[in-house]
Amino acid sequence: MLRDADMLSRTNLAPPVGRRPAQRSVYAEAEADPPVPADLIEERLVGAMLPSQLLQSGEIIVLQIKPSPWFIVLDALGSLATLVAMAVAVGAMARFRLINMSNRDLLLAAVGLGILLRLFWQFLEWLSRVYVLTDRRVITVKGVLQVAVFEAALRHVQHTTMTFTIRERLFGLGTIGFATAGTAVTEAAWTMIGRPLDVNQIVIETLDRYR
């Protein structure tokens, strides 16, 4: 009897076949869910490469994103263009016999190694960046050798700005800046994020709701 009752209760709780349960908004989840346990917070932080004890007990993560992977190439575009120009110059010098072929190969190998090292460093930069929006604060973490953490309470955020450089517009990216004073100066920026208009809408709604 107990087994039959348990199976009946599970059947009643399961959603109908072929129908997906209604999705709740992030705000509905924030209101219905209990505070996040400390151990779960620590697990999230470690998984996102954030400093330990960054989040407060019961603080709800509304949004947690990273820059677009295009950040790896686009942010290093200037130095990469210089290295490619050097490779072209080496090839031209070898063609006009200004340098011999053995020196050409050596120089091209050095330029290729420089490109790989630059991209690897930029990958580490991308890996270190985490942008977090909670029901209390805006948090930005970045830095490979020296980690820099910016955090501001939502009530202190005066306004946000959106910028779109030519590089970002070509790939559908954008940058959101945060200002804690009534000036045009931004103290922190979420650089080269994907779907910037959607992200900015979530930021504005969160500020209006919790601030």
C-alpha atoms as a PDB file:
ATOM      1  CA  MET A   1       0.000   0.000   0.000  1.00  0.00           C
ATOM      2  CA  LEU A   2       2.761   2.435   0.861  1.00  0.00           C
ATOM      3  CA  ARG A   3       4.549   1.654  -2.383  1.00  0.00           C
ATOM      4  CA  ASP A   4       1.358   2.242  -4.415  1.00  0.00           C
ATOM      5  CA  ALA A   5       0.733   5.543  -2.653  1.00  0.00           C
ATOM      6  CA  ASP A   6       4.300   6.665  -3.253  1.00  0.00           C
ATOM      7  CA  MET A   7       4.081   5.774  -6.947  1.00  0.00           C
ATOM      8  CA  LEU A   8       0.766   7.602  -7.242  1.00  0.00           C
ATOM      9  CA  SER A   9       2.207  10.741  -5.650  1.00  0.00           C
ATOM     10  CA  ARG A  10       5.178  10.697  -8.017  1.00  0.00           C
ATOM     11  CA  THR A  11       2.851  10.270 -10.996  1.00  0.00           C
ATOM     12  CA  ASN A  12       0.788  13.253  -9.927  1.00  0.00           C
ATOM     13  CA  LEU A  13       3.873  15.434  -9.541  1.00  0.00           C
ATOM     14  CA  ALA A  14       5.378  14.555 -12.930  1.00  0.00           C
ATOM     15  CA  PRO A  15       4.558  16.864 -15.854  1.00  0.00           C
ATOM     16  CA  PRO A  16       2.327  15.471 -18.626  1.00  0.00           C
ATOM     17  CA  VAL A  17       4.078  13.588 -21.388  1.00  0.00           C
ATOM     18  CA  GLY A  18       4.933  15.819 -24.305  1.00  0.00           C
ATOM     19  CA  ARG A  19       4.585  19.033 -22.325  1.00  0.00           C
ATOM     20  CA  ARG A  20       7.472  20.981 -20.875  1.00  0.00           C
ATOM     21  CA  PRO A  21       7.080  22.544 -17.452  1.00  0.00           C
ATOM     22  CA  ALA A  22       6.598  26.293 -17.521  1.00  0.00           C
ATOM     23  CA  GLN A  23       9.841  28.195 -17.192  1.00  0.00           C
ATOM     24  CA  ARG A  24      10.143  30.721 -14.408  1.00  0.00           C
ATOM     25  CA  SER A  25      11.905  34.014 -14.788  1.00  0.00           C
ATOM     26  CA  VAL A  26      15.080  34.684 -12.858  1.00  0.00           C
ATOM     27  CA  TYR A  27      13.129  36.978 -10.558  1.00  0.00           C
ATOM     28  CA  ALA A  28      10.508  34.347  -9.822  1.00  0.00           C
ATOM     29  CA  GLU A  29      13.261  31.892  -8.981  1.00  0.00           C
ATOM     30  CA  ALA A  30      14.943  34.449  -6.764  1.00  0.00           C
ATOM     31  CA  GLU A  31      11.713  34.949  -4.809  1.00  0.00           C
ATOM     32  CA  ALA A  32      10.787  31.274  -4.536  1.00  0.00           C
ATOM     33  CA  ASP A  33      14.137  29.621  -3.914  1.00  0.00           C
ATOM     34  CA  PRO A  34      15.690  29.567  -0.428  1.00  0.00           C
ATOM     35  CA  PRO A  35      19.070  31.242   0.237  1.00  0.00           C
ATOM     36  CA  VAL A  36      21.978  29.505  -1.441  1.00  0.00           C
ATOM     37  CA  PRO A  37      23.928  27.319   1.029  1.00  0.00           C
ATOM     38  CA  ALA A  38      27.495  28.348   1.780  1.00  0.00           C
ATOM     39  CA  ASP A  39      28.961  25.131   0.378  1.00  0.00           C
ATOM     40  CA  LEU A  40      27.085  25.582  -2.897  1.00  0.00           C
ATOM     41  CA  ILE A  41      28.315  29.185  -3.119  1.00  0.00           C
ATOM     42  CA  GLU A  42      31.900  28.029  -2.680  1.00  0.00           C
ATOM     43  CA  GLU A  43      31.431  25.359  -5.375  1.00  0.00           C
ATOM     44  CA  ARG A  44      30.104  27.964  -7.818  1.00  0.00           C
ATOM     45  CA  LEU A  45      32.993  30.302  -7.081  1.00  0.00           C
ATOM     46  CA  VAL A  46      35.643  27.650  -7.585  1.00  0.00           C
ATOM     47  CA  GLY A  47      34.004  26.553 -10.835  1.00  0.00           C
ATOM     48  CA  ALA A  48      33.957  30.133 -12.107  1.00  0.00           C
ATOM     49  CA  MET A  49      37.545  30.886 -11.028  1.00  0.00           C
ATOM     50  CA  LEU A  50      36.394  33.509  -8.545  1.00  0.00           C
ATOM     51  CA  PRO A  51      38.153  34.309  -5.281  1.00  0.00           C
ATOM     52  CA  SER A  52      36.784  32.320  -2.370  1.00  0.00           C
ATOM     53  CA  GLN A  53      34.286  33.990  -0.054  1.00  0.00           C
ATOM     54  CA  LEU A  54      33.410  36.563  -2.701  1.00  0.00           C
ATOM     55  CA  LEU A  55      29.679  36.059  -2.382  1.00  0.00           C
ATOM     56  CA  GLN A  56      27.788  36.667   0.819  1.00  0.00           C
ATOM     57  CA  SER A  57      25.568  34.053   2.408  1.00  0.00           C
ATOM     58  CA  GLY A  58      22.156  34.057   0.770  1.00  0.00           C
ATOM     59  CA  GLU A  59      23.258  36.306  -2.096  1.00  0.00           C
ATOM     60  CA  ILE A  60      21.512  35.343  -5.316  1.00  0.00           C
ATOM     61  CA  ILE A  61      23.393  35.227  -8.617  1.00  0.00           C
ATOM     62  CA  VAL A  62      21.225  36.860 -11.259  1.00  0.00           C
ATOM     63  CA  LEU A  63      23.790  36.802 -14.069  1.00  0.00           C
ATOM     64  CA  GLN A  64      27.256  35.301 -14.414  1.00  0.00           C
ATOM     65  CA  ILE A  65      29.029  35.661 -17.765  1.00  0.00           C
ATOM     66  CA  LYS A  66      32.436  35.952 -19.407  1.00  0.00           C
ATOM     67  CA  PRO A  67      33.603  37.951 -22.398  1.00  0.00           C
ATOM     68  CA  SER A  68      32.949  36.448 -25.788  1.00  0.00           C
ATOM     69  CA  PRO A  69      35.685  34.061 -26.992  1.00  0.00           C
ATOM     70  CA  TRP A  70      36.288  36.616 -29.738  1.00  0.00           C
ATOM     71  CA  PHE A  71      37.917  38.655 -26.960  1.00  0.00           C
ATOM     72  CA  ILE A  72      41.008  36.430 -27.310  1.00  0.00           C
ATOM     73  CA  VAL A  73      41.679  37.668 -30.837  1.00  0.00           C
ATOM     74  CA  LEU A  74      40.033  41.092 -30.927  1.00  0.00           C
ATOM     75  CA  ASP A  75      41.649  42.491 -27.777  1.00  0.00           C
ATOM     76  CA  ALA A  76      45.088  41.465 -29.062  1.00  0.00           C
ATOM     77  CA  LEU A  77      44.437  42.599 -32.617  1.00  0.00           C
ATOM     78  CA  GLY A  78      46.976  45.427 -32.513  1.00  0.00           C
ATOM     79  CA  SER A  79      49.940  43.311 -31.425  1.00  0.00           C
ATOM     80  CA  LEU A  80      48.893  40.434 -33.698  1.00  0.00           C
ATOM     81  CA  ALA A  81      48.767  42.791 -36.685  1.00  0.00           C
ATOM     82  CA  THR A  82      52.273  44.008 -35.835  1.00  0.00           C
ATOM     83  CA  LEU A  83      53.613  40.463 -35.693  1.00  0.00           C
ATOM     84  CA  VAL A  84      51.966  39.547 -39.001  1.00  0.00           C
ATOM     85  CA  ALA A  85      53.442  42.685 -40.581  1.00  0.00           C
ATOM     86  CA  MET A  86      56.854  41.602 -39.323  1.00  0.00           C
ATOM     87  CA  ALA A  87      56.389  38.187 -40.943  1.00  0.00           C
ATOM     88  CA  VAL A  88      55.442  39.830 -44.252  1.00  0.00           C
ATOM     89  CA  ALA A  89      58.474  42.111 -44.013  1.00  0.00           C
ATOM     90  CA  VAL A  90      60.766  39.139 -43.404  1.00  0.00           C
ATOM     91  CA  GLY A  91      59.352  37.389 -46.464  1.00  0.00           C
ATOM     92  CA  ALA A  92      59.851  40.487 -48.590  1.00  0.00           C
ATOM     93  CA  MET A  93      63.431  40.902 -47.398  1.00  0.00           C
ATOM     94  CA  ALA A  94      64.182  37.293 -48.285  1.00  0.00           C
ATOM     95  CA  ARG A  95      62.638  37.744 -51.725  1.00  0.00           C
ATOM     96  CA  PHE A  96      64.878  40.690 -52.502  1.00  0.00           C
ATOM     97  CA  ARG A  97      67.861  38.795 -51.025  1.00  0.00           C
ATOM     98  CA  LEU A  98      68.347  41.285 -48.213  1.00  0.00           C
ATOM     99  CA  ILE A  99      68.627  38.282 -45.897  1.00  0.00           C
ATOM    100  CA  ASN A 100      69.470  34.682 -46.693  1.00  0.00           C
ATOM    101  CA  MET A 101      66.962  31.820 -46.503  1.00  0.00           C
ATOM    102  CA  SER A 102      68.273  30.381 -43.237  1.00  0.00           C
ATOM    103  CA  ASN A 103      67.824  33.717 -41.484  1.00  0.00           C
ATOM    104  CA  ARG A 104      64.350  34.021 -42.998  1.00  0.00           C
ATOM    105  CA  ASP A 105      63.249  30.702 -41.541  1.00  0.00           C
ATOM    106  CA  LEU A 106      64.657  31.619 -38.163  1.00  0.00           C
ATOM    107  CA  LEU A 107      62.907  34.996 -38.121  1.00  0.00           C
ATOM    108  CA  LEU A 108      59.612  33.522 -39.297  1.00  0.00           C
ATOM    109  CA  ALA A 109      59.805  30.893 -36.556  1.00  0.00           C
ATOM    110  CA  ALA A 110      60.414  33.631 -33.975  1.00  0.00           C
ATOM    111  CA  VAL A 111      57.436  35.644 -35.238  1.00  0.00           C
ATOM    112  CA  GLY A 112      55.223  32.552 -35.228  1.00  0.00           C
ATOM    113  CA  LEU A 113      56.254  31.788 -31.662  1.00  0.00           C
ATOM    114  CA  GLY A 114      55.466  35.378 -30.706  1.00  0.00           C
ATOM    115  CA  ILE A 115      51.961  35.048 -32.171  1.00  0.00           C
ATOM    116  CA  LEU A 116      51.328  31.819 -30.273  1.00  0.00           C
ATOM    117  CA  LEU A 117      52.565  33.302 -26.996  1.00  0.00           C
ATOM    118  CA  ARG A 118      50.445  36.424 -27.477  1.00  0.00           C
ATOM    119  CA  LEU A 119      47.317  34.352 -28.129  1.00  0.00           C
ATOM    120  CA  PHE A 120      48.064  32.120 -25.151  1.00  0.00           C
ATOM    121  CA  TRP A 121      48.407  35.125 -22.847  1.00  0.00           C
ATOM    122  CA  GLN A 122      45.183  36.579 -24.214  1.00  0.00           C
ATOM    123  CA  PHE A 123      43.472  33.243 -23.541  1.00  0.00           C
ATOM    124  CA  LEU A 124      44.603  33.452 -19.924  1.00  0.00           C
ATOM    125  CA  GLU A 125      43.201  36.992 -19.796  1.00  0.00           C
ATOM    126  CA  TRP A 126      39.860  35.744 -21.109  1.00  0.00           C
ATOM    127  CA  LEU A 127      39.894  32.846 -18.673  1.00  0.00           C
ATOM    128  CA  SER A 128      40.483  35.151 -15.699  1.00  0.00           C
ATOM    129  CA  ARG A 129      37.590  37.517 -16.464  1.00  0.00           C
ATOM    130  CA  VAL A 130      34.235  36.904 -14.800  1.00  0.00           C
ATOM    131  CA  TYR A 131      31.321  39.308 -14.704  1.00  0.00           C
ATOM    132  CA  VAL A 132      28.722  38.727 -11.978  1.00  0.00           C
ATOM    133  CA  LEU A 133      25.442  40.449 -11.210  1.00  0.00           C
ATOM    134  CA  THR A 134      23.685  39.528  -7.976  1.00  0.00           C
ATOM    135  CA  ASP A 135      20.654  40.830  -6.150  1.00  0.00           C
ATOM    136  CA  ARG A 136      23.027  43.028  -4.125  1.00  0.00           C
ATOM    137  CA  ARG A 137      26.139  43.898  -6.125  1.00  0.00           C
ATOM    138  CA  VAL A 138      27.906  44.240  -9.460  1.00  0.00           C
ATOM    139  CA  ILE A 139      31.196  42.313  -9.493  1.00  0.00           C
ATOM    140  CA  THR A 140      34.036  42.275 -12.025  1.00  0.00           C
ATOM    141  CA  VAL A 141      37.042  39.966 -11.671  1.00  0.00           C
ATOM    142  CA  LYS A 142      40.018  40.086 -14.027  1.00  0.00           C
ATOM    143  CA  GLY A 143      43.790  39.680 -14.079  1.00  0.00           C
ATOM    144  CA  VAL A 144      46.228  36.831 -14.634  1.00  0.00           C
ATOM    145  CA  LEU A 145      49.216  37.571 -12.407  1.00  0.00           C
ATOM    146  CA  GLN A 146      47.499  40.228 -10.317  1.00  0.00           C
ATOM    147  CA  VAL A 147      43.777  39.713  -9.797  1.00  0.00           C
ATOM    148  CA  ALA A 148      41.658  42.867  -9.616  1.00  0.00           C
ATOM    149  CA  VAL A 149      38.156  42.714  -8.154  1.00  0.00           C
ATOM    150  CA  PHE A 150      35.623  45.524  -8.545  1.00  0.00           C
ATOM    151  CA  GLU A 151      32.395  45.365  -6.599  1.00  0.00           C
ATOM    152  CA  ALA A 152      29.695  47.950  -6.061  1.00  0.00           C
ATOM    153  CA  ALA A 153      26.376  47.727  -4.273  1.00  0.00           C
ATOM    154  CA  LEU A 154      23.416  48.106  -6.590  1.00  0.00           C
ATOM    155  CA  ARG A 155      22.211  51.138  -4.665  1.00  0.00           C
ATOM    156  CA  HIS A 156      25.502  52.888  -5.459  1.00  0.00           C
ATOM    157  CA  VAL A 157      25.304  52.326  -9.238  1.00  0.00           C
ATOM    158  CA  GLN A 158      24.140  55.656 -10.649  1.00  0.00           C
ATOM    159  CA  HIS A 159      23.953  54.692 -14.307  1.00  0.00           C
ATOM    160  CA  THR A 160      25.274  52.318 -16.955  1.00  0.00           C
ATOM    161  CA  THR A 161      26.744  53.024 -20.375  1.00  0.00           C
ATOM    162  CA  MET A 162      26.942  50.962 -23.543  1.00  0.00           C
ATOM    163  CA  THR A 163      29.699  51.319 -26.129  1.00  0.00           C
ATOM    164  CA  PHE A 164      30.213  49.519 -29.435  1.00  0.00           C
ATOM    165  CA  THR A 165      33.595  49.770 -31.105  1.00  0.00           C
ATOM    166  CA  ILE A 166      33.979  48.895 -34.764  1.00  0.00           C
ATOM    167  CA  ARG A 167      35.533  45.567 -33.856  1.00  0.00           C
ATOM    168  CA  GLU A 168      32.690  44.754 -31.479  1.00  0.00           C
ATOM    169  CA  ARG A 169      29.970  45.747 -33.928  1.00  0.00           C
ATOM    170  CA  LEU A 170      31.398  43.461 -36.595  1.00  0.00           C
ATOM    171  CA  PHE A 171      30.967  40.469 -34.279  1.00  0.00           C
ATOM    172  CA  GLY A 172      27.773  41.504 -32.470  1.00  0.00           C
ATOM    173  CA  LEU A 173      29.564  42.375 -29.227  1.00  0.00           C
ATOM    174  CA  GLY A 174      29.448  45.358 -26.882  1.00  0.00           C
ATOM    175  CA  THR A 175      30.780  46.784 -23.621  1.00  0.00           C
ATOM    176  CA  ILE A 176      28.708  47.792 -20.587  1.00  0.00           C
ATOM    177  CA  GLY A 177      30.188  50.308 -18.164  1.00  0.00           C
ATOM    178  CA  PHE A 178      29.128  51.004 -14.577  1.00  0.00           C
ATOM    179  CA  ALA A 179      29.392  54.387 -12.844  1.00  0.00           C
ATOM    180  CA  THR A 180      28.894  54.853  -9.109  1.00  0.00           C
ATOM    181  CA  ALA A 181      28.967  58.660  -9.276  1.00  0.00           C
ATOM    182  CA  GLY A 182      26.881  61.135 -11.230  1.00  0.00           C
ATOM    183  CA  THR A 183      29.594  61.597 -13.878  1.00  0.00           C
ATOM    184  CA  ALA A 184      30.475  60.116 -17.250  1.00  0.00           C
ATOM    185  CA  VAL A 185      33.418  58.212 -15.709  1.00  0.00           C
ATOM    186  CA  THR A 186      32.915  54.437 -15.503  1.00  0.00           C
ATOM    187  CA  GLU A 187      34.633  52.580 -12.682  1.00  0.00           C
ATOM    188  CA  ALA A 188      34.208  49.133 -14.237  1.00  0.00           C
ATOM    189  CA  ALA A 189      33.286  47.667 -17.606  1.00  0.00           C
ATOM    190  CA  TRP A 190      32.067  44.346 -18.911  1.00  0.00           C
ATOM    191  CA  THR A 191      34.168  44.186 -22.075  1.00  0.00           C
ATOM    192  CA  MET A 192      33.284  42.452 -25.351  1.00  0.00           C
ATOM    193  CA  ILE A 193      30.262  40.522 -24.136  1.00  0.00           C
ATOM    194  CA  GLY A 194      27.903  38.680 -26.434  1.00  0.00           C
ATOM    195  CA  ARG A 195      24.281  39.819 -26.838  1.00  0.00           C
ATOM    196  CA  PRO A 196      25.026  43.133 -25.107  1.00  0.00           C
ATOM    197  CA  LEU A 197      21.511  44.539 -25.512  1.00  0.00           C
ATOM    198  CA  ASP A 198      19.960  41.528 -23.766  1.00  0.00           C
ATOM    199  CA  VAL A 199      22.566  41.640 -20.994  1.00  0.00           C
ATOM    200  CA  ASN A 200      22.023  45.372 -20.516  1.00  0.00           C
ATOM    201  CA  GLN A 201      18.273  44.790 -20.248  1.00  0.00           C
ATOM    202  CA  ILE A 202      18.833  42.243 -17.463  1.00  0.00           C
ATOM    203  CA  VAL A 203      21.159  44.689 -15.685  1.00  0.00           C
ATOM    204  CA  ILE A 204      18.596  47.511 -15.891  1.00  0.00           C
ATOM    205  CA  GLU A 205      15.766  45.293 -14.664  1.00  0.00           C
ATOM    206  CA  THR A 206      17.895  44.040 -11.786  1.00  0.00           C
ATOM    207  CA  LEU A 207      18.847  47.570 -10.787  1.00  0.00           C
ATOM    208  CA  ASP A 208      15.214  48.678 -10.889  1.00  0.00           C
ATOM    209  CA  ARG A 209      14.051  45.656  -8.939  1.00  0.00           C
ATOM    210  CA  TYR A 210      16.625  45.378  -6.178  1.00  0.00           C
ATOM    211  CA  ARG A 211      18.047  48.882  -5.905  1.00  0.00           C
END
